[in-house]
N, C-alpha and C. Protein backbone atom coordinates (compact mmCIF):
# COMPACT_ATOMS: atom_id res chain seq x y z
N UNK A 1 19.71 26.98 39.73
CA UNK A 1 20.42 27.11 40.99
C UNK A 1 21.66 28.01 40.69
N UNK A 2 22.36 27.56 39.63
CA UNK A 2 23.67 28.13 39.29
C UNK A 2 23.52 29.56 38.83
N UNK A 3 22.26 29.61 37.87
CA UNK A 3 22.35 31.02 37.50
C UNK A 3 21.94 32.09 38.47
N UNK A 4 21.05 31.58 39.42
CA UNK A 4 20.73 32.31 40.43
C UNK A 4 22.00 32.72 41.40
N UNK A 5 22.74 31.74 41.59
CA UNK A 5 23.88 31.86 42.56
C UNK A 5 24.78 33.10 41.55
N UNK A 6 24.96 32.82 40.43
CA UNK A 6 25.88 33.94 39.51
C UNK A 6 25.25 35.21 39.91
N UNK A 7 23.75 35.29 39.65
CA UNK A 7 23.66 36.80 39.58
C UNK A 7 23.27 37.12 41.30
N UNK A 8 23.20 36.39 42.04
CA UNK A 8 23.33 36.99 43.38
C UNK A 8 24.92 37.31 43.68
N UNK A 9 25.88 36.63 43.18
CA UNK A 9 27.22 36.89 43.50
C UNK A 9 27.73 38.09 42.85
N UNK A 10 27.13 38.13 41.32
CA UNK A 10 27.28 39.60 40.66
C UNK A 10 26.70 40.85 41.53
N UNK A 11 25.32 40.51 41.74
CA UNK A 11 24.88 41.66 42.72
C UNK A 11 25.72 41.98 44.30
N UNK A 12 26.14 41.02 44.67
CA UNK A 12 26.77 41.18 45.83
C UNK A 12 27.86 41.93 45.68
N UNK A 13 28.87 41.62 44.52
CA UNK A 13 30.11 42.23 44.12
C UNK A 13 29.72 43.75 44.15
N UNK A 14 28.76 43.89 43.34
CA UNK A 14 28.14 45.35 42.78
C UNK A 14 28.12 46.16 44.21
N UNK A 15 27.41 45.57 45.10
CA UNK A 15 26.95 46.12 46.44
C UNK A 15 28.44 46.31 47.22
N UNK A 16 29.12 45.30 47.11
CA UNK A 16 30.22 45.47 47.96
C UNK A 16 31.34 46.55 47.30
N UNK A 17 31.49 46.93 46.03
CA UNK A 17 32.14 47.66 45.43
C UNK A 17 31.57 49.03 45.58
N UNK A 18 30.22 49.43 45.70
CA UNK A 18 29.65 50.57 45.99
C UNK A 18 29.84 50.78 47.49
N UNK A 19 29.84 50.10 48.28
CA UNK A 19 30.14 50.15 49.97
C UNK A 19 31.83 50.28 50.45
N UNK A 20 32.27 49.65 49.30
CA UNK A 20 33.78 49.61 49.48
C UNK A 20 34.18 48.30 50.45
N UNK A 21 33.50 47.50 50.27
CA UNK A 21 33.73 46.23 50.78
C UNK A 21 34.12 45.11 49.91
N UNK A 22 35.21 44.46 50.37
CA UNK A 22 35.58 43.06 49.72
C UNK A 22 34.33 42.16 49.57
N UNK A 23 34.35 41.20 48.85
CA UNK A 23 33.39 40.33 48.75
C UNK A 23 33.45 39.28 49.99
N UNK A 24 34.56 38.86 50.52
CA UNK A 24 34.42 38.07 51.69
C UNK A 24 34.17 38.88 52.87
N UNK A 25 34.68 40.15 53.08
CA UNK A 25 34.35 41.03 54.04
C UNK A 25 32.61 41.27 54.32
N UNK A 26 31.92 41.58 53.11
CA UNK A 26 30.48 41.44 52.89
C UNK A 26 29.77 40.09 53.19
N UNK A 27 30.49 39.09 53.00
CA UNK A 27 30.01 37.45 53.29
C UNK A 27 29.94 37.39 54.71
N UNK A 28 31.14 38.02 55.49
CA UNK A 28 31.29 37.78 56.96
C UNK A 28 30.15 38.79 57.58
N UNK A 29 30.03 39.92 57.02
CA UNK A 29 28.99 40.93 57.70
C UNK A 29 27.65 40.48 57.68
N UNK A 30 27.49 39.81 56.48
CA UNK A 30 26.14 39.06 56.64
C UNK A 30 25.84 38.07 57.42
N UNK A 31 26.85 37.22 57.60
CA UNK A 31 26.74 36.34 58.43
C UNK A 31 26.79 36.68 59.90
N UNK A 32 27.39 37.60 60.36
CA UNK A 32 27.03 38.24 61.83
C UNK A 32 25.88 38.85 61.85
N UNK A 33 25.18 39.75 60.64
CA UNK A 33 23.96 40.14 60.75
C UNK A 33 22.86 39.10 60.90
N UNK A 34 23.03 37.95 60.31
CA UNK A 34 22.11 37.13 59.96
C UNK A 34 22.07 36.38 61.58
N UNK A 35 23.21 35.81 62.18
CA UNK A 35 23.33 35.25 63.25
C UNK A 35 23.59 35.93 64.44
N UNK A 36 23.73 37.04 64.51
CA UNK A 36 23.92 38.02 65.58
C UNK A 36 25.40 37.86 66.00
N UNK A 37 25.66 38.46 66.97
CA UNK A 37 27.04 38.43 67.77
C UNK A 37 27.75 37.09 67.97
N UNK A 38 28.92 37.01 67.40
CA UNK A 38 29.37 35.85 67.84
C UNK A 38 31.02 35.87 67.92
N UNK A 39 31.91 34.78 68.25
CA UNK A 39 33.06 34.86 68.58
C UNK A 39 33.68 34.87 67.33
N UNK A 40 35.05 35.58 66.92
CA UNK A 40 35.76 35.08 65.87
C UNK A 40 35.90 33.78 65.38
N UNK A 41 36.12 32.84 66.28
CA UNK A 41 36.12 31.53 65.80
C UNK A 41 34.98 31.09 65.43
N UNK A 42 33.64 31.23 65.98
CA UNK A 42 32.52 30.79 65.51
C UNK A 42 32.35 31.49 63.96
N UNK A 43 32.61 32.89 63.81
CA UNK A 43 32.51 33.62 62.39
C UNK A 43 33.60 32.42 61.42
N UNK A 44 34.58 32.25 61.76
CA UNK A 44 35.35 31.64 60.72
C UNK A 44 34.84 30.09 60.38
N UNK A 45 34.18 29.53 61.40
CA UNK A 45 33.57 28.37 61.08
C UNK A 45 32.34 28.34 60.14
N UNK A 46 31.63 29.47 60.60
CA UNK A 46 30.29 29.91 59.82
C UNK A 46 30.98 30.11 58.24
N UNK A 47 31.70 30.84 58.47
CA UNK A 47 32.30 31.47 56.84
C UNK A 47 32.98 30.39 56.21
N UNK A 48 33.59 29.38 56.80
CA UNK A 48 34.51 28.40 56.22
C UNK A 48 35.76 28.80 55.91
N UNK A 49 36.18 29.91 56.70
CA UNK A 49 37.80 30.36 56.41
C UNK A 49 38.40 30.20 57.58
N UNK A 50 39.75 30.44 57.47
CA UNK A 50 40.72 30.22 58.43
C UNK A 50 40.63 31.27 59.41
N UNK A 51 40.82 31.02 60.82
CA UNK A 51 40.82 32.29 61.81
C UNK A 51 41.83 33.51 61.57
N UNK A 52 42.87 33.27 60.63
CA UNK A 52 44.04 34.14 60.44
C UNK A 52 43.15 35.01 59.23
N UNK A 53 42.35 34.70 58.37
CA UNK A 53 41.90 35.43 57.25
C UNK A 53 40.61 36.17 58.23
N UNK A 54 40.02 35.80 59.09
CA UNK A 54 39.18 36.36 59.86
C UNK A 54 39.81 37.60 60.61
N UNK A 55 40.84 37.63 60.96
CA UNK A 55 41.49 38.81 61.59
C UNK A 55 41.52 39.80 61.00
N UNK A 56 41.85 39.53 59.51
CA UNK A 56 42.15 40.83 58.64
C UNK A 56 40.75 41.03 58.16
N UNK A 57 39.81 40.26 58.02
CA UNK A 57 38.43 40.88 57.59
C UNK A 57 37.95 41.74 58.49
N UNK A 58 38.01 41.14 59.81
CA UNK A 58 37.61 41.92 61.17
C UNK A 58 38.22 43.28 61.42
N UNK A 59 39.63 43.18 61.10
CA UNK A 59 40.28 44.47 61.26
C UNK A 59 39.72 45.72 60.06
N UNK A 60 39.36 45.17 59.09
CA UNK A 60 38.92 46.26 57.95
C UNK A 60 37.30 46.44 58.35
N UNK A 61 36.63 45.42 58.85
CA UNK A 61 35.22 45.92 59.04
C UNK A 61 35.06 46.96 60.21
N UNK A 62 35.99 46.70 61.19
CA UNK A 62 35.98 47.47 62.40
C UNK A 62 36.58 48.89 61.98
N UNK A 63 37.79 49.01 61.19
CA UNK A 63 38.38 50.13 60.92
C UNK A 63 37.25 51.27 59.95
N UNK A 64 36.45 50.43 59.13
CA UNK A 64 35.57 51.16 58.50
C UNK A 64 34.13 51.22 58.91
N UNK A 65 33.84 50.93 60.14
CA UNK A 65 32.60 51.45 60.89
C UNK A 65 31.51 50.29 60.61
N UNK A 66 31.95 48.86 60.16
CA UNK A 66 30.75 48.14 59.86
C UNK A 66 30.73 47.15 61.36
N UNK A 67 31.60 46.96 61.78
CA UNK A 67 31.54 45.63 63.00
C UNK A 67 32.26 46.24 64.33
N UNK A 68 32.26 45.71 65.46
CA UNK A 68 33.04 46.02 66.53
C UNK A 68 33.35 44.55 67.33
N UNK A 69 34.45 44.72 67.82
CA UNK A 69 34.78 43.43 68.49
C UNK A 69 34.61 43.92 70.09
N UNK A 70 34.04 43.21 70.87
CA UNK A 70 33.71 43.76 72.19
C UNK A 70 33.94 42.23 73.14
N UNK A 71 34.19 42.70 74.37
CA UNK A 71 34.30 41.69 75.40
C UNK A 71 32.90 40.92 75.61
N UNK A 72 32.90 39.49 75.77
CA UNK A 72 31.57 38.94 75.90
C UNK A 72 31.27 39.36 77.49
N UNK A 73 29.80 39.65 77.42
CA UNK A 73 29.37 40.08 78.92
C UNK A 73 29.46 39.03 80.13
N UNK A 74 29.44 37.84 79.63
CA UNK A 74 29.42 36.29 80.38
C UNK A 74 30.85 36.05 80.65
N UNK A 75 31.56 36.06 79.71
CA UNK A 75 32.92 35.81 79.85
C UNK A 75 33.75 36.82 79.37
N UNK A 76 34.29 37.57 80.40
CA UNK A 76 35.15 38.95 79.95
C UNK A 76 36.53 38.38 79.29
N UNK A 77 37.05 37.41 79.09
CA UNK A 77 38.07 36.91 78.18
C UNK A 77 37.77 36.73 77.07
N UNK A 78 36.59 36.57 76.66
CA UNK A 78 36.15 36.14 75.29
C UNK A 78 35.63 37.60 74.53
N UNK A 79 36.03 37.34 73.02
CA UNK A 79 35.54 38.57 72.28
C UNK A 79 34.37 37.94 71.38
N UNK A 80 33.57 38.90 71.30
CA UNK A 80 32.25 38.88 70.13
C UNK A 80 32.52 39.85 69.26
N UNK A 81 31.95 39.50 68.20
CA UNK A 81 32.07 40.74 67.10
C UNK A 81 30.57 40.63 66.64
N UNK A 82 30.19 41.99 66.85
CA UNK A 82 28.64 42.38 66.30
C UNK A 82 28.86 43.39 64.90
N UNK A 83 27.77 43.36 64.17
CA UNK A 83 27.61 44.43 63.23
C UNK A 83 27.05 45.60 64.05
N UNK A 84 27.55 46.74 63.32
CA UNK A 84 27.05 48.03 63.81
C UNK A 84 26.08 48.49 63.20
N UNK A 85 24.80 48.91 63.71
CA UNK A 85 23.44 49.18 62.92
C UNK A 85 23.34 50.63 62.10
N UNK A 86 24.62 51.35 62.56
CA UNK A 86 24.63 52.73 61.99
C UNK A 86 24.77 52.59 60.37
N UNK A 87 25.59 51.72 59.93
CA UNK A 87 25.85 51.65 58.46
C UNK A 87 24.84 50.62 57.73
N UNK A 88 23.93 49.80 58.14
CA UNK A 88 23.21 48.94 57.60
C UNK A 88 22.28 49.29 56.76
N UNK A 89 21.80 50.69 57.00
CA UNK A 89 20.87 51.39 55.95
C UNK A 89 21.63 51.58 54.61
N UNK A 90 22.83 51.73 54.74
CA UNK A 90 23.67 51.78 53.26
C UNK A 90 23.42 50.59 52.34
N UNK A 91 23.83 49.33 53.02
CA UNK A 91 23.32 48.27 52.36
C UNK A 91 22.12 47.98 52.19
N UNK A 92 21.16 48.34 52.82
CA UNK A 92 19.65 48.12 52.59
C UNK A 92 19.63 48.90 51.30
N UNK A 93 19.87 50.13 51.17
CA UNK A 93 19.53 50.87 50.23
C UNK A 93 20.04 50.34 49.12
N UNK A 94 21.32 49.79 48.98
CA UNK A 94 22.03 49.31 47.62
C UNK A 94 21.48 47.90 47.11
N UNK A 95 20.44 47.15 48.08
CA UNK A 95 19.61 46.18 47.47
C UNK A 95 18.32 46.30 47.40
N UNK A 96 17.97 47.47 47.28
CA UNK A 96 16.67 47.94 47.22
C UNK A 96 15.91 47.63 45.95
N UNK A 97 16.64 47.66 44.98
CA UNK A 97 16.29 47.25 43.51
C UNK A 97 15.79 45.83 43.40
N UNK A 98 16.78 44.90 43.90
CA UNK A 98 16.67 43.49 44.26
C UNK A 98 15.13 43.39 45.10
N UNK A 99 15.39 43.87 46.40
CA UNK A 99 14.26 43.62 47.22
C UNK A 99 12.93 43.99 46.63
N UNK A 100 12.78 44.98 45.88
CA UNK A 100 11.57 45.49 45.49
C UNK A 100 11.13 44.40 44.18
N UNK A 101 12.15 43.98 43.65
CA UNK A 101 11.74 42.84 42.54
C UNK A 101 11.40 41.58 43.07
N UNK A 102 11.99 41.26 44.31
CA UNK A 102 11.36 40.32 44.76
C UNK A 102 10.01 40.28 45.49
N UNK A 103 9.79 41.34 46.17
CA UNK A 103 8.28 41.73 46.28
C UNK A 103 7.39 41.40 45.35
N UNK A 104 7.54 41.97 44.05
CA UNK A 104 7.02 41.93 43.15
C UNK A 104 6.76 40.33 42.67
N UNK A 105 7.95 39.63 42.66
CA UNK A 105 7.66 38.24 42.30
C UNK A 105 6.96 37.39 43.27
N UNK A 106 7.14 37.58 44.79
CA UNK A 106 6.27 37.04 45.69
C UNK A 106 4.75 37.49 45.36
N UNK A 107 4.52 38.50 45.07
CA UNK A 107 2.97 38.77 44.93
C UNK A 107 2.46 37.81 43.86
N UNK A 108 3.28 37.44 43.18
CA UNK A 108 2.48 36.13 42.02
C UNK A 108 2.14 34.81 42.80
N UNK A 109 2.67 34.80 43.83
CA UNK A 109 2.31 33.28 44.52
C UNK A 109 1.57 33.28 45.45
N UNK A 110 0.82 32.38 45.70
CA UNK A 110 -0.34 32.06 46.86
C UNK A 110 0.69 31.37 48.12
N UNK A 111 -0.03 31.60 49.25
CA UNK A 111 0.48 31.11 50.51
C UNK A 111 1.20 29.72 50.46
N UNK A 112 0.55 28.86 49.59
CA UNK A 112 0.69 27.33 49.65
C UNK A 112 2.17 27.27 49.01
N UNK A 113 2.24 27.95 47.70
CA UNK A 113 3.32 28.22 46.94
C UNK A 113 4.71 28.67 47.63
N UNK A 114 4.31 29.64 48.22
CA UNK A 114 5.24 30.30 49.15
C UNK A 114 5.82 29.27 49.99
N UNK A 115 4.89 28.72 50.88
CA UNK A 115 5.43 27.62 51.84
C UNK A 115 6.33 26.56 51.08
N UNK A 116 6.06 26.37 50.07
CA UNK A 116 6.71 25.16 49.33
C UNK A 116 8.12 25.91 48.48
N UNK A 117 8.20 26.90 48.36
CA UNK A 117 9.39 27.74 47.85
C UNK A 117 10.27 27.99 49.19
N UNK A 118 9.67 28.42 50.11
CA UNK A 118 10.47 28.54 51.59
C UNK A 118 11.11 27.29 51.85
N UNK A 119 10.25 25.99 51.75
CA UNK A 119 10.98 24.99 52.31
C UNK A 119 11.99 24.50 51.29
N UNK A 120 12.02 24.65 49.94
CA UNK A 120 12.90 24.49 49.02
C UNK A 120 13.95 25.08 49.30
N UNK A 121 13.99 26.49 49.75
CA UNK A 121 15.22 27.45 49.86
C UNK A 121 15.63 27.02 51.15
N UNK A 122 15.08 26.69 52.03
CA UNK A 122 15.71 26.33 53.42
C UNK A 122 16.45 24.75 53.40
N UNK A 123 15.95 23.98 52.56
CA UNK A 123 16.34 22.52 52.60
C UNK A 123 17.87 22.88 51.55
N UNK A 124 17.46 23.79 50.50
CA UNK A 124 18.47 23.95 49.61
C UNK A 124 20.10 24.77 50.24
N UNK A 125 19.59 25.67 51.11
CA UNK A 125 20.83 26.25 51.82
C UNK A 125 21.27 25.16 53.11
N UNK A 126 20.28 24.18 53.31
CA UNK A 126 20.88 23.36 54.21
C UNK A 126 22.09 22.64 53.73
N UNK A 127 21.66 21.92 52.34
CA UNK A 127 22.43 21.27 51.53
C UNK A 127 23.81 21.92 51.18
N UNK A 128 23.77 23.21 51.02
CA UNK A 128 25.05 23.87 50.88
C UNK A 128 25.93 23.94 51.62
N UNK A 129 25.07 24.23 53.05
CA UNK A 129 25.91 24.40 54.47
C UNK A 129 26.60 22.87 54.53
N UNK A 130 25.80 21.75 54.62
CA UNK A 130 26.51 20.47 54.73
C UNK A 130 27.69 20.28 53.47
N UNK A 131 27.47 20.42 52.47
CA UNK A 131 28.63 20.46 51.49
C UNK A 131 29.62 21.11 51.43
N UNK A 132 29.51 22.33 52.09
CA UNK A 132 30.76 23.27 52.54
C UNK A 132 31.51 22.68 53.58
N UNK A 133 30.75 22.13 54.73
CA UNK A 133 31.39 21.64 55.63
C UNK A 133 31.85 20.47 55.49
N UNK A 134 31.36 19.53 54.59
CA UNK A 134 32.18 18.48 54.21
C UNK A 134 33.60 18.53 53.44
N UNK A 135 33.64 19.57 52.63
CA UNK A 135 34.55 20.24 51.90
C UNK A 135 35.74 20.60 52.93
N UNK A 136 35.12 21.32 53.72
CA UNK A 136 36.22 21.89 54.87
C UNK A 136 36.72 20.96 55.93
N UNK A 137 36.26 19.63 56.17
CA UNK A 137 36.54 18.83 57.17
C UNK A 137 38.01 18.35 56.66
N UNK A 138 38.84 17.84 57.61
CA UNK A 138 40.02 17.36 56.93
C UNK A 138 40.02 16.12 56.39
N UNK A 139 40.97 16.03 55.41
CA UNK A 139 40.78 14.82 54.49
C UNK A 139 41.65 13.76 55.18
N UNK A 140 41.18 12.58 55.06
CA UNK A 140 41.66 11.32 55.78
C UNK A 140 42.98 10.98 54.81
N UNK A 141 44.02 10.66 55.63
CA UNK A 141 45.23 10.19 55.03
C UNK A 141 45.33 9.21 54.06
């Protein structure tokens, strides 16, 4: 898992460098793309970052055409952040090599094995989320 994490981090750094995105900016853009439009506070919570850090990230993402802050349709006082699809193709292209390699790897597994792998990955992601939330929680005095 550590080696996979390292290799994905290196890939993301290379993609970010090609797209002129800082690593945290790319991470936050991915959170928005996965979970859909959300408030800056929700983004900060999901990304495990301080709200002030999110402001700078959103400023850069907006300035460079990756995301936009909009008024929430239901609560006009609230702001929601959404990824702009116009530039998503750039990132998709940069991940093509990895996506093609993963397609070839997946072809080597049957449906039952893929279900087991999907279950493991979902459970490992949930464990990582829980561990990150635990670390982000205030420490008892």
